[in-house]
Amino acid sequence: MAPRALAATLDTLPSSSADAAGPGHDELRDLYRMLSNVRQLDRDAVAWQRQGLIPGYAPMLGQEAAQVGAGAAVDRSRDFVFPTYREMGVAYTFGVNMVEYMSTHKAIWHGGLYDSVATRFAPFQAVVGGSVLHAVGWAHGQTLNGASAGGLGVGLAFLGDGASSQGDVHEAMNFAAILKAPVIFFVQNNGWAISVPTEQQVAGGSVAARAAGYGMAAVRVDGNDVLAVLEATRRAVAHARAGLGPVVVEAMTYRRGPHSTSDDPGRYRTLDDEKIDGGEDPLSRFRAVLLARGVADEAFFAEADAQAQHQANDIRAGVVALTSRPGSEMFDFVFQESTPTLGAQARQWREESEHV
């Protein structure tokens, strides 16, 4: 079955009356506030790296609508997010403490200091495609545990178009489809796998099209339209929660900045290319929608944007205040029960580092 027909299957799923009516005015304004906060924090984080506050950062400029829309579509009480190193916007939308999130970018802790179990937001990592396997395992666990009264918990796995070429992603999708695991493979197709354009590394030009080979449902959505992403992800989650199997959501967006703060995009594309290929800015686009619907006015936007800057300043102060963790912690979270070898390494470390 072609991805277009599979997407139609998602459209036939029953929706709650609230979802059918679309977001209310308060939710629309909240979506803009989140977009504004994510945009400001992302810009500031790049500046922090240039100032020497953090050693590295993976910007997400241009992908705000994809991340906020997806993050706002899942249930924070029973679903679980499995991010890459670029999902700061999803983390913010999911209510993760941003100082604790940024601790990894400051090289204080790996995967974030936040409580992954409490936040239902897994530690982020730099292994390309690695979190996708974890998401499928967690989702299969939901199936083994049986559906709750409201349906299965759903895993939301994030990956990029570049990661879709990894063998781990193929294995994850194959197992998810066979096991009918309640998991969403949310692909942010931002046009680039670091310096390689999508058309040179995704055979067929579409990640969503690959879903047919696994017998999975799929939908391709405008990733710069936060409302379209919200609706597509909600329907995908409903599909998986009902026990109908995994879904591929491919959000077509654009990475407007570098792959990371150590990348120079000028080596493989021009500023004109970025302006032409990037399309309409996600925030400007949503701002126009709210104005046209009479949901918000210029005073609202000014207040929301000012609050975003104020919050980013507070987060910066928190990041500055972060101190190094005790070195002994590196031995505490390797195994549930320590081994003789690990114990010997810990003792040697204490002798050499703490002289005890």
Protein backbone atom coordinates (compact mmCIF):
# COMPACT_ATOMS: atom_id res chain seq x y z
CA MET A 1 0.00 0.00 0.00
CA ALA A 2 1.40 3.42 -0.90
CA PRO A 3 2.12 6.00 1.80
CA ARG A 4 -0.71 8.21 0.51
CA ALA A 5 -3.27 5.48 1.12
CA LEU A 6 -1.76 4.67 4.50
CA ALA A 7 -2.02 8.30 5.48
CA ALA A 8 -5.70 8.14 4.62
CA THR A 9 -6.00 5.28 7.12
CA LEU A 10 -4.82 7.66 9.82
CA ASP A 11 -7.46 10.17 8.79
CA THR A 12 -10.23 7.64 9.43
CA LEU A 13 -9.31 7.14 13.08
CA PRO A 14 -11.88 8.38 15.58
CA SER A 15 -10.95 11.65 17.26
CA SER A 16 -12.10 13.19 20.50
CA SER A 17 -14.49 16.10 20.15
CA ALA A 18 -11.72 18.45 21.29
CA ASP A 19 -9.32 17.17 18.64
CA ALA A 20 -12.01 17.26 15.96
CA ALA A 21 -12.73 20.90 16.73
CA GLY A 22 -9.05 21.78 16.63
CA PRO A 23 -7.06 23.71 19.23
CA GLY A 24 -8.94 26.38 21.15
CA HIS A 25 -7.77 29.98 21.45
CA ASP A 26 -5.88 29.36 24.68
CA GLU A 27 -4.05 26.37 23.20
CA LEU A 28 -3.17 28.36 20.09
CA ARG A 29 -1.66 31.13 22.18
CA ASP A 30 0.21 28.58 24.28
CA LEU A 31 1.65 27.06 21.09
CA TYR A 32 3.00 30.45 20.06
CA ARG A 33 4.50 31.03 23.50
CA MET A 34 6.31 27.70 23.26
CA LEU A 35 7.54 28.46 19.75
CA SER A 36 8.82 31.84 20.87
CA ASN A 37 10.54 30.44 23.96
CA VAL A 38 12.19 27.66 21.96
CA ARG A 39 13.38 30.07 19.26
CA GLN A 40 14.90 32.48 21.80
CA LEU A 41 16.56 29.76 23.86
CA ASP A 42 18.02 28.16 20.74
CA ARG A 43 19.49 31.46 19.57
CA ASP A 44 20.88 32.18 23.01
CA ALA A 45 22.43 28.71 23.31
CA VAL A 46 24.42 29.35 20.13
CA ALA A 47 25.60 32.63 21.65
CA TRP A 48 26.53 30.85 24.88
CA GLN A 49 28.79 28.52 22.91
CA ARG A 50 30.46 31.47 21.18
CA GLN A 51 30.96 33.08 24.60
CA GLY A 52 32.62 29.94 25.97
CA LEU A 53 29.82 29.12 28.41
CA ILE A 54 29.13 25.75 26.80
CA PRO A 55 31.54 23.76 24.60
CA GLY A 56 29.03 22.67 21.97
CA TYR A 57 25.41 22.83 20.86
CA ALA A 58 23.24 21.45 18.03
CA PRO A 59 20.99 24.30 16.81
CA MET A 60 17.39 23.68 15.72
CA LEU A 61 16.62 27.00 14.01
CA GLY A 62 13.78 26.43 11.54
CA GLN A 63 12.55 23.23 13.16
CA GLU A 64 10.53 24.83 15.97
CA ALA A 65 7.11 23.99 14.51
CA ALA A 66 8.02 20.33 13.98
CA GLN A 67 9.28 19.93 17.52
CA VAL A 68 6.64 21.91 19.39
CA GLY A 69 3.81 20.39 17.35
CA ALA A 70 5.02 16.85 17.97
CA GLY A 71 5.76 17.40 21.65
CA ALA A 72 2.34 18.95 22.26
CA ALA A 73 0.57 15.97 20.67
CA VAL A 74 1.53 13.27 23.16
CA ASP A 75 0.28 12.46 26.64
CA ARG A 76 2.91 13.40 29.24
CA SER A 77 1.31 11.07 31.79
CA ARG A 78 1.74 7.79 29.86
CA ASP A 79 3.73 8.29 26.64
CA PHE A 80 7.52 8.48 26.42
CA VAL A 81 9.81 10.57 24.22
CA PHE A 82 13.13 9.26 22.88
CA PRO A 83 15.11 12.25 21.54
CA THR A 84 18.28 12.85 19.60
CA TYR A 85 20.73 15.62 20.54
CA ARG A 86 18.66 18.25 18.65
CA GLU A 87 15.27 17.98 20.38
CA MET A 88 15.56 20.93 22.74
CA GLY A 89 12.19 22.16 21.47
CA VAL A 90 10.49 18.88 22.30
CA ALA A 91 12.12 18.85 25.74
CA TYR A 92 10.85 22.36 26.45
CA THR A 93 7.34 21.49 25.25
CA PHE A 94 7.40 18.36 27.40
CA GLY A 95 8.17 20.39 30.51
CA VAL A 96 11.79 19.30 31.01
CA ASN A 97 13.86 21.63 33.20
CA MET A 98 16.02 23.49 30.69
CA VAL A 99 18.96 24.08 33.02
CA GLU A 100 19.13 20.35 33.69
CA TYR A 101 18.76 19.69 29.96
CA MET A 102 21.60 22.06 29.11
CA SER A 103 23.91 20.37 31.62
CA THR A 104 25.02 17.98 28.89
CA HIS A 105 25.86 20.82 26.51
CA LYS A 106 27.97 22.27 29.31
CA ALA A 107 29.65 18.84 29.65
CA ILE A 108 28.49 18.55 33.28
CA TRP A 109 26.54 15.33 32.77
CA HIS A 110 25.69 12.97 29.94
CA GLY A 111 22.09 12.79 28.75
CA GLY A 112 20.80 15.58 30.98
CA LEU A 113 20.49 15.96 34.75
CA TYR A 114 16.68 15.82 34.61
CA ASP A 115 14.81 12.74 35.89
CA SER A 116 13.98 10.76 32.75
CA VAL A 117 11.41 8.57 34.51
CA ALA A 118 9.53 11.50 36.02
CA THR A 119 9.64 13.64 32.88
CA ARG A 120 9.08 10.69 30.51
CA PHE A 121 11.79 12.18 28.32
CA ALA A 122 14.70 9.80 27.77
CA PRO A 123 18.32 10.94 28.07
CA PHE A 124 19.46 12.43 24.79
CA GLN A 125 22.51 11.07 23.05
CA ALA A 126 24.84 11.63 20.12
CA VAL A 127 24.56 8.11 18.68
CA VAL A 128 22.81 8.61 15.34
CA GLY A 129 19.66 6.47 15.33
CA GLY A 130 20.46 4.97 18.73
CA SER A 131 17.36 6.20 20.55
CA VAL A 132 15.09 4.62 17.94
CA LEU A 133 15.95 1.11 19.13
CA HIS A 134 15.28 2.14 22.73
CA ALA A 135 11.88 3.50 21.75
CA VAL A 136 10.83 0.25 20.10
CA GLY A 137 11.92 -1.76 23.13
CA TRP A 138 9.97 0.49 25.47
CA ALA A 139 6.92 0.43 23.20
CA HIS A 140 6.98 -3.37 22.97
CA GLY A 141 7.04 -3.42 26.74
CA GLN A 142 3.77 -1.50 26.71
CA THR A 143 2.27 -4.23 24.53
CA LEU A 144 3.52 -6.97 26.84
CA ASN A 145 2.05 -5.16 29.84
CA GLY A 146 -1.33 -4.93 28.14
CA ALA A 147 -3.44 -1.93 27.28
CA SER A 148 -4.70 0.31 30.05
CA ALA A 149 -8.23 1.65 30.12
CA GLY A 150 -7.24 4.51 27.84
CA GLY A 151 -5.09 2.44 25.50
CA LEU A 152 -1.40 1.71 25.13
CA GLY A 153 1.39 4.08 26.11
CA VAL A 154 3.09 5.32 22.95
CA GLY A 155 6.80 5.84 22.31
CA LEU A 156 7.76 8.87 20.25
CA ALA A 157 11.15 8.31 18.63
CA PHE A 158 12.90 11.21 16.92
CA LEU A 159 15.36 10.89 14.08
CA GLY A 160 16.59 12.88 11.11
CA ASP A 161 16.57 12.07 7.42
CA GLY A 162 20.25 11.21 7.70
CA ALA A 163 19.68 8.79 10.57
CA SER A 164 17.06 6.98 8.49
CA SER A 165 19.94 5.51 6.47
CA GLN A 166 21.37 3.79 9.55
CA GLY A 167 21.03 0.03 9.90
CA ASP A 168 19.76 0.42 13.46
CA VAL A 169 16.74 2.32 12.14
CA HIS A 170 15.91 -0.46 9.67
CA GLU A 171 16.10 -3.04 12.46
CA ALA A 172 13.96 -0.90 14.74
CA MET A 173 11.27 -0.36 12.11
CA ASN A 174 11.27 -4.01 11.13
CA PHE A 175 10.83 -5.22 14.71
CA ALA A 176 8.26 -2.53 15.47
CA ALA A 177 6.14 -3.57 12.50
CA ILE A 178 6.38 -7.29 13.26
CA LEU A 179 5.54 -6.75 16.92
CA LYS A 180 2.94 -4.01 16.20
CA ALA A 181 4.70 -1.91 18.80
CA PRO A 182 2.95 1.37 19.71
CA VAL A 183 5.72 3.67 18.51
CA ILE A 184 5.90 6.74 16.27
CA PHE A 185 9.00 7.21 14.14
CA PHE A 186 9.03 11.00 13.91
CA VAL A 187 11.44 11.99 11.14
CA GLN A 188 12.49 15.62 10.93
CA ASN A 189 13.56 15.83 7.32
CA ASN A 190 15.53 19.07 7.53
CA GLY A 191 17.12 18.69 4.11
CA TRP A 192 20.60 17.80 5.29
CA ALA A 193 22.52 14.88 6.77
CA ILE A 194 25.23 17.18 8.14
CA SER A 195 26.69 18.34 4.79
CA VAL A 196 24.94 15.84 2.51
CA PRO A 197 21.56 16.87 1.00
CA THR A 198 18.64 14.49 1.50
CA GLU A 199 18.36 13.61 -2.19
CA GLN A 200 21.88 12.20 -2.11
CA GLN A 201 21.35 9.86 0.83
CA VAL A 202 17.64 8.88 0.97
CA ALA A 203 16.81 6.50 -1.87
CA GLY A 204 13.46 7.42 -3.38
CA GLY A 205 13.57 10.86 -1.77
CA SER A 206 11.11 10.08 1.03
CA VAL A 207 11.52 8.37 4.38
CA ALA A 208 7.75 8.00 4.71
CA ALA A 209 7.67 5.97 1.50
CA ARG A 210 9.81 3.30 3.17
CA ALA A 211 7.03 2.54 5.64
CA ALA A 212 5.16 0.56 2.99
CA GLY A 213 7.99 -1.97 2.91
CA TYR A 214 7.44 -2.66 6.60
CA GLY A 215 3.65 -2.69 6.36
CA MET A 216 3.45 0.43 8.50
CA ALA A 217 1.18 3.44 8.27
CA ALA A 218 2.84 6.70 7.25
CA VAL A 219 2.10 10.36 6.78
CA ARG A 220 4.16 13.20 5.33
CA VAL A 221 3.43 16.62 6.77
CA ASP A 222 4.54 20.22 6.37
CA GLY A 223 6.99 20.46 9.24
CA ASN A 224 6.92 24.27 9.23
CA ASP A 225 3.18 24.31 10.03
CA VAL A 226 2.80 23.71 13.76
CA LEU A 227 -0.94 22.97 13.49
CA ALA A 228 -0.41 20.43 10.70
CA VAL A 229 2.29 18.69 12.75
CA LEU A 230 0.09 18.70 15.85
CA GLU A 231 -2.82 17.11 13.98
CA ALA A 232 -0.72 14.53 12.14
CA THR A 233 1.08 13.46 15.31
CA ARG A 234 -2.14 13.24 17.31
CA ARG A 235 -3.65 10.92 14.69
CA ALA A 236 -0.49 8.85 14.56
CA VAL A 237 -0.51 8.50 18.34
CA ALA A 238 -4.20 7.48 18.28
CA HIS A 239 -3.38 4.83 15.66
CA ALA A 240 -0.55 3.36 17.74
CA ARG A 241 -2.45 3.65 21.04
CA ALA A 242 -5.32 1.61 19.58
CA GLY A 243 -2.93 -1.30 18.98
CA LEU A 244 -2.81 -0.85 15.20
CA GLY A 245 0.96 -0.73 15.04
CA PRO A 246 3.71 1.83 14.44
CA VAL A 247 3.56 4.93 12.26
CA VAL A 248 6.17 6.92 10.36
CA VAL A 249 5.60 10.69 10.46
CA GLU A 250 7.91 12.60 8.14
CA ALA A 251 7.90 16.32 8.89
CA MET A 252 9.36 18.27 5.97
CA THR A 253 11.28 21.20 7.39
CA TYR A 254 14.69 22.86 6.96
CA ARG A 255 17.78 23.28 9.10
CA ARG A 256 18.40 27.01 8.77
CA GLY A 257 21.70 27.01 10.65
CA PRO A 258 24.72 24.74 11.02
CA HIS A 259 24.54 21.07 11.96
CA SER A 260 26.33 21.99 15.18
CA THR A 261 28.30 24.94 16.51
CA SER A 262 31.46 23.30 15.12
CA ASP A 263 30.01 23.09 11.60
CA ASP A 264 30.51 25.63 8.80
CA PRO A 265 27.51 25.33 6.46
CA GLY A 266 29.16 27.83 4.12
CA ARG A 267 31.36 24.97 2.91
CA TYR A 268 28.42 23.15 1.32
CA ARG A 269 25.67 25.74 0.74
CA THR A 270 25.26 29.50 0.38
CA LEU A 271 23.22 31.98 2.40
CA ASP A 272 21.02 32.43 -0.68
CA ASP A 273 20.41 28.68 -0.70
CA GLU A 274 19.31 28.86 2.93
CA LYS A 275 16.89 31.70 2.23
CA ILE A 276 15.38 30.02 -0.83
CA ASP A 277 15.21 26.45 0.45
CA GLY A 278 14.20 27.32 4.00
CA GLY A 279 10.74 28.50 2.99
CA GLU A 280 8.54 30.60 5.24
CA ASP A 281 9.72 30.99 8.82
CA PRO A 282 7.62 28.75 11.13
CA LEU A 283 7.08 31.49 13.72
CA SER A 284 6.16 34.19 11.22
CA ARG A 285 3.79 31.76 9.57
CA PHE A 286 1.97 30.89 12.80
CA ARG A 287 1.93 34.50 13.88
CA ALA A 288 0.04 35.35 10.68
CA VAL A 289 -2.46 32.58 11.38
CA LEU A 290 -3.20 33.90 14.87
CA LEU A 291 -3.62 37.44 13.58
CA ALA A 292 -5.92 36.31 10.78
CA ARG A 293 -8.10 34.34 13.21
CA GLY A 294 -8.24 37.19 15.69
CA VAL A 295 -6.71 34.97 18.37
CA ALA A 296 -3.86 37.35 19.21
CA ASP A 297 -2.72 40.91 18.57
CA GLU A 298 0.63 42.68 18.42
CA ALA A 299 0.53 43.37 22.15
CA PHE A 300 0.30 39.62 22.82
CA PHE A 301 3.27 38.86 20.57
CA ALA A 302 5.37 41.60 22.16
CA GLU A 303 4.63 40.28 25.64
CA ALA A 304 5.26 36.64 24.64
CA ASP A 305 8.57 37.45 22.97
CA ALA A 306 9.72 39.57 25.91
CA GLN A 307 8.85 36.77 28.31
CA ALA A 308 10.84 34.35 26.13
CA GLN A 309 13.93 36.52 26.45
CA HIS A 310 13.44 36.86 30.20
CA GLN A 311 13.15 33.08 30.58
CA ALA A 312 16.22 32.48 28.43
CA ASN A 313 18.17 34.86 30.68
CA ASP A 314 17.06 32.91 33.75
CA ILE A 315 18.12 29.64 32.13
CA ARG A 316 21.52 31.14 31.29
CA ALA A 317 22.01 32.09 34.92
CA GLY A 318 21.18 28.53 35.92
CA VAL A 319 23.64 27.10 33.40
CA VAL A 320 26.38 29.45 34.66
CA ALA A 321 25.73 28.22 38.21
CA LEU A 322 26.11 24.54 37.26
CA THR A 323 29.16 22.99 38.90
CA SER A 324 31.06 19.83 38.08
CA ARG A 325 29.68 16.52 39.31
CA PRO A 326 31.70 14.23 41.60
CA GLY A 327 33.97 12.10 39.45
CA SER A 328 33.05 8.99 41.41
CA GLU A 329 29.59 9.10 39.83
CA MET A 330 31.01 7.62 36.65
CA PHE A 331 31.02 4.25 38.40
CA ASP A 332 27.58 4.51 39.99
CA PHE A 333 25.33 4.09 36.97
CA VAL A 334 27.06 1.43 34.86
CA PHE A 335 25.33 -1.67 36.20
CA GLN A 336 22.43 -2.23 38.56
CA GLU A 337 24.81 -4.40 40.62
CA SER A 338 28.50 -3.59 40.55
CA THR A 339 31.09 -6.10 39.31
CA PRO A 340 34.52 -6.91 40.77
CA THR A 341 36.22 -5.30 37.77
CA LEU A 342 34.17 -2.11 38.10
CA GLY A 343 34.86 -2.02 41.83
CA ALA A 344 38.60 -2.34 41.21
CA GLN A 345 38.47 0.51 38.69
CA ALA A 346 36.59 2.68 41.20
CA ARG A 347 39.17 2.00 43.90
CA GLN A 348 42.03 2.78 41.53
CA TRP A 349 40.34 6.03 40.47
CA ARG A 350 39.91 7.11 44.12
CA GLU A 351 43.55 6.33 44.88
CA GLU A 352 44.82 8.31 41.91
CA SER A 353 42.33 11.19 41.99
CA GLU A 354 41.28 11.58 45.59
CA HIS A 355 44.37 9.97 47.18
CA VAL A 356 42.31 7.77 49.48
